[in-house]
């Protein structure tokens, strides 16, 4: 791998921003910051660009849509993985945790066997990938059939983040039965009879949920896989998932719960599309309000990875925080939450996961992307 000398950029460091600076890359890692020379390395002029660490997306649902763009319309899995890989590279995301739901009753790609097949396909595609593709397995805790499938993925190294979610109506994301019925009817074209069966089954299966969660959490801890909880709605819920070993609280639904999560040492995660749109799709706490209140640690692409970069770049103006603090929400903080200590910062010795950002009429876009020092994207917008 030839050394690279990136020059003239506005470089976002963990606690500072350097103007007109340089970064030297050797053997896939950052060898020096603002050295006097490139020591014979290939020079790339990044004048007028910002250089940030490659973004890390802990929760991205987009692969499910690549596999199943319409209900019961499925693409080949290698094709879907390739498209998601390219989309993430173009978005400036160099480490992505593809969020796959294991919730048999929701049909489609969330069928346990099919979701497991997709998870293994992600691993198979990695040999050809532009960025680091990982799998975030989301366990719907009222599904008693998923744990053996998830245990197999954890043991085989095909699951890199485990989250617990409970979409039972009356708590979490769905505060009433009608909201949940409307979601399933719209998303999966579920009939009234099917909806009745699903609700009855969830109520019955909830009885053994904690025991199943404890077993999976124990296996995840043994395998060094980080644990997250989804749609926490109370301090009591935070206490319960903390006891399981959770280190991330995804989409806490209100300020009090986000505060409780941080008090327990959990990293809080919110959706970047929420910031770009200015509201939550489910009517819960706005991501911007979480940033303003100082209770947001990480942002994720959720259903739109392309929203990550423009959302982050809006935050210094919207929330009055420093640029390096905004960038940390999608780089250093999620890296730490996932236990990835080799990336997430522009610092000597870290992986050379980097993004050169170009401002296009106020819309920031990734112009160049490097993953482990290897070019993943080289889009030239100079003519625009």
Protein backbone atom coordinates (compact mmCIF):
# COMPACT_ATOMS: atom_id res chain seq x y z
CA UNK A 1 0.00 0.00 0.00
CA UNK A 2 1.58 3.27 -1.15
CA UNK A 3 1.87 6.09 1.43
CA UNK A 4 -0.55 8.99 0.96
CA UNK A 5 -0.02 12.63 1.86
CA UNK A 6 -3.30 14.52 2.15
CA UNK A 7 -2.60 18.24 2.11
CA UNK A 8 -4.33 21.59 2.49
CA UNK A 9 -7.43 20.34 4.33
CA UNK A 10 -9.35 21.66 7.28
CA UNK A 11 -8.66 18.69 9.58
CA UNK A 12 -11.09 17.83 12.38
CA UNK A 13 -9.16 16.35 15.30
CA UNK A 14 -10.70 14.86 18.48
CA UNK A 15 -10.52 18.17 20.38
CA UNK A 16 -9.57 20.76 17.79
CA UNK A 17 -9.68 21.79 14.14
CA UNK A 18 -6.50 22.47 12.15
CA UNK A 19 -6.62 24.83 9.20
CA UNK A 20 -4.63 24.08 6.03
CA UNK A 21 -3.14 20.93 7.52
CA UNK A 22 -1.86 17.61 6.23
CA UNK A 23 -2.24 13.94 7.18
CA UNK A 24 0.23 11.20 6.29
CA UNK A 25 -1.06 7.66 5.76
CA UNK A 26 1.24 4.63 5.80
CA UNK A 27 0.24 0.96 5.76
CA UNK A 28 -3.40 1.78 6.25
CA UNK A 29 -2.98 3.85 9.41
CA UNK A 30 -2.43 7.50 10.21
CA UNK A 31 1.35 7.94 10.50
CA UNK A 32 1.56 11.68 11.16
CA UNK A 33 -0.57 14.81 11.45
CA UNK A 34 0.70 17.96 9.77
CA UNK A 35 4.23 16.68 9.12
CA UNK A 36 6.71 18.96 7.41
CA UNK A 37 6.76 16.78 4.31
CA UNK A 38 5.12 13.73 2.78
CA UNK A 39 8.36 11.73 2.73
CA UNK A 40 7.88 10.71 -0.89
CA UNK A 41 4.23 9.72 -0.48
CA UNK A 42 1.59 10.31 -3.14
CA UNK A 43 0.24 13.82 -2.51
CA UNK A 44 -3.48 14.61 -2.78
CA UNK A 45 -4.52 18.25 -2.66
CA UNK A 46 -7.57 18.76 -0.43
CA UNK A 47 -7.63 22.56 -0.45
CA UNK A 48 -11.14 23.83 0.22
CA UNK A 49 -12.17 20.51 1.74
CA UNK A 50 -12.74 19.35 5.29
CA UNK A 51 -11.14 16.10 6.44
CA UNK A 52 -13.03 14.13 9.10
CA UNK A 53 -12.74 10.57 10.41
CA UNK A 54 -14.78 7.98 8.57
CA UNK A 55 -18.24 7.91 10.07
CA UNK A 56 -19.44 4.93 12.11
CA UNK A 57 -23.13 4.04 11.86
CA UNK A 58 -24.28 1.78 14.68
CA UNK A 59 -27.84 1.40 13.42
CA UNK A 60 -28.69 1.40 9.72
CA UNK A 61 -31.88 -0.30 8.49
CA UNK A 62 -31.21 0.46 4.83
CA UNK A 63 -29.99 -3.02 3.89
CA UNK A 64 -33.43 -4.43 4.62
CA UNK A 65 -34.82 -2.07 1.98
CA UNK A 66 -32.09 -3.07 -0.48
CA UNK A 67 -33.14 -6.70 -0.04
CA UNK A 68 -36.90 -6.04 -0.05
CA UNK A 69 -37.64 -2.71 -1.78
CA UNK A 70 -41.34 -3.60 -1.92
CA UNK A 71 -43.30 -6.10 0.19
CA UNK A 72 -42.42 -9.64 -0.93
CA UNK A 73 -40.14 -8.34 -3.73
CA UNK A 74 -36.64 -9.65 -2.98
CA UNK A 75 -33.29 -9.03 -4.67
CA UNK A 76 -30.35 -11.47 -4.58
CA UNK A 77 -28.44 -10.92 -1.35
CA UNK A 78 -25.03 -10.30 -2.91
CA UNK A 79 -26.60 -7.63 -5.11
CA UNK A 80 -28.29 -6.00 -2.12
CA UNK A 81 -25.09 -6.05 -0.05
CA UNK A 82 -23.15 -4.48 -2.92
CA UNK A 83 -25.67 -1.65 -3.29
CA UNK A 84 -25.71 -0.91 0.45
CA UNK A 85 -21.91 -0.98 0.53
CA UNK A 86 -21.66 1.60 -2.25
CA UNK A 87 -24.32 3.82 -0.69
CA UNK A 88 -22.45 3.88 2.61
CA UNK A 89 -19.15 4.70 0.94
CA UNK A 90 -20.82 7.55 -0.96
CA UNK A 91 -22.29 8.81 2.33
CA UNK A 92 -18.88 8.90 4.04
CA UNK A 93 -19.66 5.94 6.32
CA UNK A 94 -16.64 3.67 6.65
CA UNK A 95 -18.00 1.34 9.35
CA UNK A 96 -21.64 0.34 9.15
CA UNK A 97 -23.64 -1.93 11.43
CA UNK A 98 -26.45 -3.21 9.24
CA UNK A 99 -29.46 -3.46 11.56
CA UNK A 100 -31.39 -6.67 10.90
CA UNK A 101 -34.54 -7.37 12.88
CA UNK A 102 -35.36 -10.83 14.15
CA UNK A 103 -39.12 -10.64 14.66
CA UNK A 104 -40.72 -13.63 12.98
CA UNK A 105 -44.27 -12.26 13.18
CA UNK A 106 -43.35 -9.21 11.06
CA UNK A 107 -42.74 -11.38 7.99
CA UNK A 108 -40.60 -10.30 5.02
CA UNK A 109 -36.91 -9.74 5.74
CA UNK A 110 -37.62 -9.88 9.48
CA UNK A 111 -38.37 -13.56 9.30
CA UNK A 112 -35.69 -15.15 11.49
CA UNK A 113 -34.30 -17.59 8.95
CA UNK A 114 -34.18 -14.98 6.21
CA UNK A 115 -32.64 -12.34 8.49
CA UNK A 116 -29.93 -14.83 9.45
CA UNK A 117 -29.27 -15.51 5.77
CA UNK A 118 -28.82 -11.78 5.18
CA UNK A 119 -26.44 -11.51 8.15
CA UNK A 120 -24.25 -14.26 6.71
CA UNK A 121 -24.41 -12.61 3.27
CA UNK A 122 -22.97 -9.42 4.77
CA UNK A 123 -19.97 -11.41 5.98
CA UNK A 124 -19.56 -13.10 2.61
CA UNK A 125 -19.62 -9.76 0.78
CA UNK A 126 -16.96 -8.19 3.00
CA UNK A 127 -14.16 -9.68 0.87
CA UNK A 128 -15.31 -7.38 -1.95
CA UNK A 129 -16.48 -4.45 0.14
CA UNK A 130 -15.57 -0.77 -0.06
CA UNK A 131 -16.14 -0.17 3.68
CA UNK A 132 -16.28 -2.23 6.88
CA UNK A 133 -19.68 -3.94 6.90
CA UNK A 134 -20.89 -5.40 10.20
CA UNK A 135 -24.18 -6.75 11.51
CA UNK A 136 -26.37 -5.36 14.25
CA UNK A 137 -28.86 -8.05 15.25
CA UNK A 138 -32.07 -6.63 16.71
CA UNK A 139 -33.99 -9.10 18.84
CA UNK A 140 -37.73 -8.59 19.28
CA UNK A 141 -37.95 -9.97 22.80
CA UNK A 142 -41.49 -11.34 22.43
CA UNK A 143 -40.30 -13.76 19.73
CA UNK A 144 -39.44 -17.01 21.46
CA UNK A 145 -38.17 -18.63 18.24
CA UNK A 146 -35.27 -16.24 17.53
CA UNK A 147 -32.74 -16.98 20.35
CA UNK A 148 -31.29 -20.19 18.81
CA UNK A 149 -30.82 -18.39 15.50
CA UNK A 150 -29.17 -15.40 17.18
CA UNK A 151 -26.98 -17.63 19.33
CA UNK A 152 -25.68 -19.33 16.20
CA UNK A 153 -24.84 -15.99 14.58
CA UNK A 154 -23.06 -14.80 17.74
CA UNK A 155 -21.02 -17.99 18.01
CA UNK A 156 -20.07 -17.89 14.32
CA UNK A 157 -18.96 -14.24 14.41
CA UNK A 158 -21.76 -12.96 12.17
CA UNK A 159 -23.26 -10.64 14.82
CA UNK A 160 -21.25 -7.60 15.94
CA UNK A 161 -23.86 -5.71 17.99
CA UNK A 162 -26.92 -7.10 19.79
CA UNK A 163 -29.92 -4.98 20.70
CA UNK A 164 -33.10 -5.79 22.56
CA UNK A 165 -36.35 -4.26 21.34
CA UNK A 166 -39.95 -4.63 22.42
CA UNK A 167 -42.59 -3.22 20.11
CA UNK A 168 -45.48 -4.37 22.26
CA UNK A 169 -48.08 -1.60 22.28
CA UNK A 170 -48.44 0.44 25.44
CA UNK A 171 -44.76 1.26 25.95
CA UNK A 172 -41.60 2.17 24.03
CA UNK A 173 -42.17 3.34 20.47
CA UNK A 174 -45.85 2.41 20.28
CA UNK A 175 -47.82 3.98 23.08
CA UNK A 176 -51.15 2.47 22.09
CA UNK A 177 -52.48 -0.55 20.23
CA UNK A 178 -53.84 1.44 17.30
CA UNK A 179 -50.45 2.98 16.54
CA UNK A 180 -48.90 -0.48 16.39
CA UNK A 181 -51.71 -1.87 14.23
CA UNK A 182 -51.35 1.07 11.84
CA UNK A 183 -47.59 0.48 11.56
CA UNK A 184 -47.93 -3.22 10.69
CA UNK A 185 -50.85 -2.62 8.33
CA UNK A 186 -48.94 0.05 6.41
CA UNK A 187 -45.52 -1.60 6.39
CA UNK A 188 -46.44 -5.23 5.83
CA UNK A 189 -50.03 -5.01 4.50
CA UNK A 190 -51.06 -7.08 7.51
CA UNK A 191 -54.75 -8.02 7.70
CA UNK A 192 -56.92 -7.45 10.76
CA UNK A 193 -56.96 -11.18 11.52
CA UNK A 194 -53.17 -11.37 11.32
CA UNK A 195 -52.87 -8.32 13.55
CA UNK A 196 -55.08 -9.93 16.19
CA UNK A 197 -52.94 -13.08 16.11
CA UNK A 198 -49.71 -11.06 16.42
CA UNK A 199 -50.96 -9.10 19.41
CA UNK A 200 -52.17 -12.23 21.19
CA UNK A 201 -48.90 -14.00 20.52
CA UNK A 202 -46.79 -11.08 21.77
CA UNK A 203 -48.73 -10.98 25.01
CA UNK A 204 -48.23 -14.70 25.60
CA UNK A 205 -44.55 -14.73 24.61
CA UNK A 206 -43.69 -11.78 26.87
CA UNK A 207 -43.74 -14.10 29.88
CA UNK A 208 -40.30 -15.62 29.17
CA UNK A 209 -38.69 -12.57 27.57
CA UNK A 210 -36.28 -11.68 30.37
CA UNK A 211 -34.87 -15.20 30.60
CA UNK A 212 -34.23 -15.25 26.84
CA UNK A 213 -32.61 -11.81 27.02
CA UNK A 214 -30.32 -12.90 29.86
CA UNK A 215 -29.14 -15.95 27.91
CA UNK A 216 -28.37 -13.96 24.76
CA UNK A 217 -26.72 -11.15 26.74
CA UNK A 218 -24.45 -13.65 28.47
CA UNK A 219 -23.35 -15.09 25.11
CA UNK A 220 -22.81 -11.60 23.65
CA UNK A 221 -20.59 -10.62 26.58
CA UNK A 222 -18.58 -13.81 26.19
CA UNK A 223 -18.04 -13.00 22.51
CA UNK A 224 -17.10 -9.37 23.15
CA UNK A 225 -20.21 -8.10 21.36
CA UNK A 226 -21.66 -4.81 22.59
CA UNK A 227 -25.27 -4.80 23.80
CA UNK A 228 -27.87 -2.10 23.16
CA UNK A 229 -31.47 -1.46 24.20
CA UNK A 230 -34.09 0.01 21.88
CA UNK A 231 -36.75 2.67 22.64
CA UNK A 232 -36.11 2.87 26.37
CA UNK A 233 -38.95 4.79 28.01
CA UNK A 234 -38.15 4.91 31.73
CA UNK A 235 -35.33 4.85 34.28
CA UNK A 236 -36.57 1.41 35.34
CA UNK A 237 -36.10 0.10 31.81
CA UNK A 238 -32.59 1.56 31.75
CA UNK A 239 -31.76 -0.16 35.07
CA UNK A 240 -32.97 -3.48 33.68
CA UNK A 241 -30.92 -3.34 30.48
CA UNK A 242 -27.87 -2.05 32.34
CA UNK A 243 -28.04 -5.21 34.46
CA UNK A 244 -27.88 -7.21 31.23
CA UNK A 245 -24.67 -5.45 30.23
CA UNK A 246 -26.09 -2.92 27.79
CA UNK A 247 -23.75 -0.08 26.84
CA UNK A 248 -26.01 1.76 24.36
CA UNK A 249 -29.54 3.17 24.73
CA UNK A 250 -31.02 3.56 21.25
CA UNK A 251 -33.67 6.22 20.70
CA UNK A 252 -34.68 6.90 24.33
CA UNK A 253 -38.17 8.27 23.96
CA UNK A 254 -37.94 11.21 26.38
CA UNK A 255 -35.45 13.45 28.16
CA UNK A 256 -35.78 11.75 31.54
CA UNK A 257 -34.90 8.36 30.09
CA UNK A 258 -31.94 9.77 28.15
CA UNK A 259 -30.66 11.37 31.35
CA UNK A 260 -31.09 8.10 33.23
CA UNK A 261 -29.19 6.20 30.52
CA UNK A 262 -26.24 8.57 30.66
CA UNK A 263 -26.25 8.48 34.46
CA UNK A 264 -25.86 4.70 34.18
CA UNK A 265 -22.96 5.10 31.75
CA UNK A 266 -24.88 4.07 28.62
CA UNK A 267 -24.15 5.90 25.37
CA UNK A 268 -27.34 7.38 23.94
CA UNK A 269 -28.06 7.10 20.22
CA UNK A 270 -30.49 9.13 18.11
CA UNK A 271 -31.37 9.23 14.42
CA UNK A 272 -29.69 11.72 12.13
CA UNK A 273 -32.70 11.86 9.76
CA UNK A 274 -34.60 13.24 12.75
CA UNK A 275 -32.25 16.26 12.78
CA UNK A 276 -32.45 16.79 9.03
CA UNK A 277 -36.28 16.61 9.08
CA UNK A 278 -36.65 18.45 12.39
CA UNK A 279 -38.87 15.84 14.03
CA UNK A 280 -39.24 12.21 15.03
CA UNK A 281 -41.24 9.94 12.72
CA UNK A 282 -42.88 8.35 15.78
CA UNK A 283 -43.54 11.55 17.73
CA UNK A 284 -40.91 10.85 20.39
CA UNK A 285 -38.03 13.05 21.52
CA UNK A 286 -36.34 15.06 18.77
CA UNK A 287 -32.67 14.28 18.22
CA UNK A 288 -31.89 18.01 18.12
CA UNK A 289 -33.50 18.47 21.54
CA UNK A 290 -31.28 15.67 22.84
CA UNK A 291 -28.18 17.45 21.50
CA UNK A 292 -29.34 20.78 22.94
CA UNK A 293 -29.93 19.14 26.33
CA UNK A 294 -26.48 17.53 26.26
CA UNK A 295 -27.83 13.97 26.40
CA UNK A 296 -26.90 12.75 22.89
CA UNK A 297 -23.71 10.71 22.49
CA UNK A 298 -24.17 9.20 19.04
CA UNK A 299 -26.14 9.70 15.85
CA UNK A 300 -27.00 6.97 13.36
CA UNK A 301 -28.27 6.80 9.81
CA UNK A 302 -31.33 4.77 10.86
CA UNK A 303 -33.34 4.46 7.62
CA UNK A 304 -31.26 7.03 5.63
CA UNK A 305 -27.45 6.75 5.81
CA UNK A 306 -27.09 9.73 3.45
CA UNK A 307 -28.62 11.94 6.16
CA UNK A 308 -25.71 11.41 8.55
CA UNK A 309 -23.17 13.86 7.10
CA UNK A 310 -25.47 16.86 6.41
CA UNK A 311 -27.12 16.44 9.80
CA UNK A 312 -23.81 16.54 11.64
CA UNK A 313 -22.62 19.57 9.72
CA UNK A 314 -25.80 21.46 10.68
CA UNK A 315 -25.27 20.96 14.40
CA UNK A 316 -22.70 23.70 15.11
CA UNK A 317 -25.26 26.24 13.90
CA UNK A 318 -28.40 24.54 15.20
CA UNK A 319 -27.08 23.48 18.60
CA UNK A 320 -24.19 25.89 19.20
CA UNK A 321 -21.65 23.11 19.68
CA UNK A 322 -18.10 23.00 18.34
CA UNK A 323 -17.43 21.28 15.02
CA UNK A 324 -15.26 18.59 16.61
CA UNK A 325 -18.03 17.86 19.12
CA UNK A 326 -20.56 17.42 16.33
CA UNK A 327 -18.23 15.14 14.37
CA UNK A 328 -17.60 13.02 17.48
CA UNK A 329 -21.29 12.05 17.48
CA UNK A 330 -20.69 9.96 14.35
CA UNK A 331 -17.04 8.97 14.80
CA UNK A 332 -15.29 8.72 18.16
CA UNK A 333 -18.39 8.17 20.32
CA UNK A 334 -19.94 5.30 18.35
CA UNK A 335 -16.49 3.72 17.97
CA UNK A 336 -16.11 3.64 21.75
CA UNK A 337 -19.65 2.35 22.26
CA UNK A 338 -18.99 -0.56 19.90
CA UNK A 339 -15.58 -1.30 21.39
CA UNK A 340 -13.76 -0.31 18.19
CA UNK A 341 -10.70 1.38 19.64
CA UNK A 342 -8.69 1.38 16.40
CA UNK A 343 -10.81 4.03 14.64
CA UNK A 344 -13.07 7.06 15.01
CA UNK A 345 -10.37 9.74 15.33
CA UNK A 346 -7.77 11.45 13.20
CA UNK A 347 -4.90 10.48 15.45
CA UNK A 348 -1.54 8.81 14.95
CA UNK A 349 -1.86 5.03 14.98
CA UNK A 350 -5.57 4.94 14.17
CA UNK A 351 -7.02 3.29 11.06
CA UNK A 352 -6.92 5.62 8.09
CA UNK A 353 -10.70 5.80 7.74
CA UNK A 354 -11.13 9.30 6.39
CA UNK A 355 -13.63 11.45 4.51
CA UNK A 356 -12.88 14.56 2.47
CA UNK A 357 -16.01 16.71 2.63
CA UNK A 358 -16.91 19.26 -0.04
CA UNK A 359 -19.48 21.99 0.54
CA UNK A 360 -21.83 22.12 -2.43
CA UNK A 361 -23.93 25.25 -2.09
CA UNK A 362 -24.44 24.61 1.61
CA UNK A 363 -24.92 20.84 1.26
CA UNK A 364 -21.90 18.88 2.52
CA UNK A 365 -21.06 15.80 0.48
CA UNK A 366 -18.33 13.17 0.67
CA UNK A 367 -15.91 13.78 -2.20
CA UNK A 368 -13.25 11.23 -1.27
CA UNK A 369 -13.37 8.35 1.18
CA UNK A 370 -10.59 6.08 2.44
CA UNK A 371 -11.21 2.86 4.38
CA UNK A 372 -8.09 1.57 6.06
CA UNK A 373 -6.06 3.81 3.75
CA UNK A 374 -7.64 2.30 0.62
CA UNK A 375 -9.71 4.61 -1.60
CA UNK A 376 -13.40 3.74 -1.41
CA UNK A 377 -14.76 6.80 -3.17
CA UNK A 378 -13.19 9.37 -5.47
CA UNK A 379 -16.02 11.57 -6.69
CA UNK A 380 -14.97 14.80 -8.34
CA UNK A 381 -17.46 17.66 -8.08
CA UNK A 382 -15.16 20.46 -9.26
CA UNK A 383 -17.28 21.03 -12.36
CA UNK A 384 -20.46 21.57 -10.31
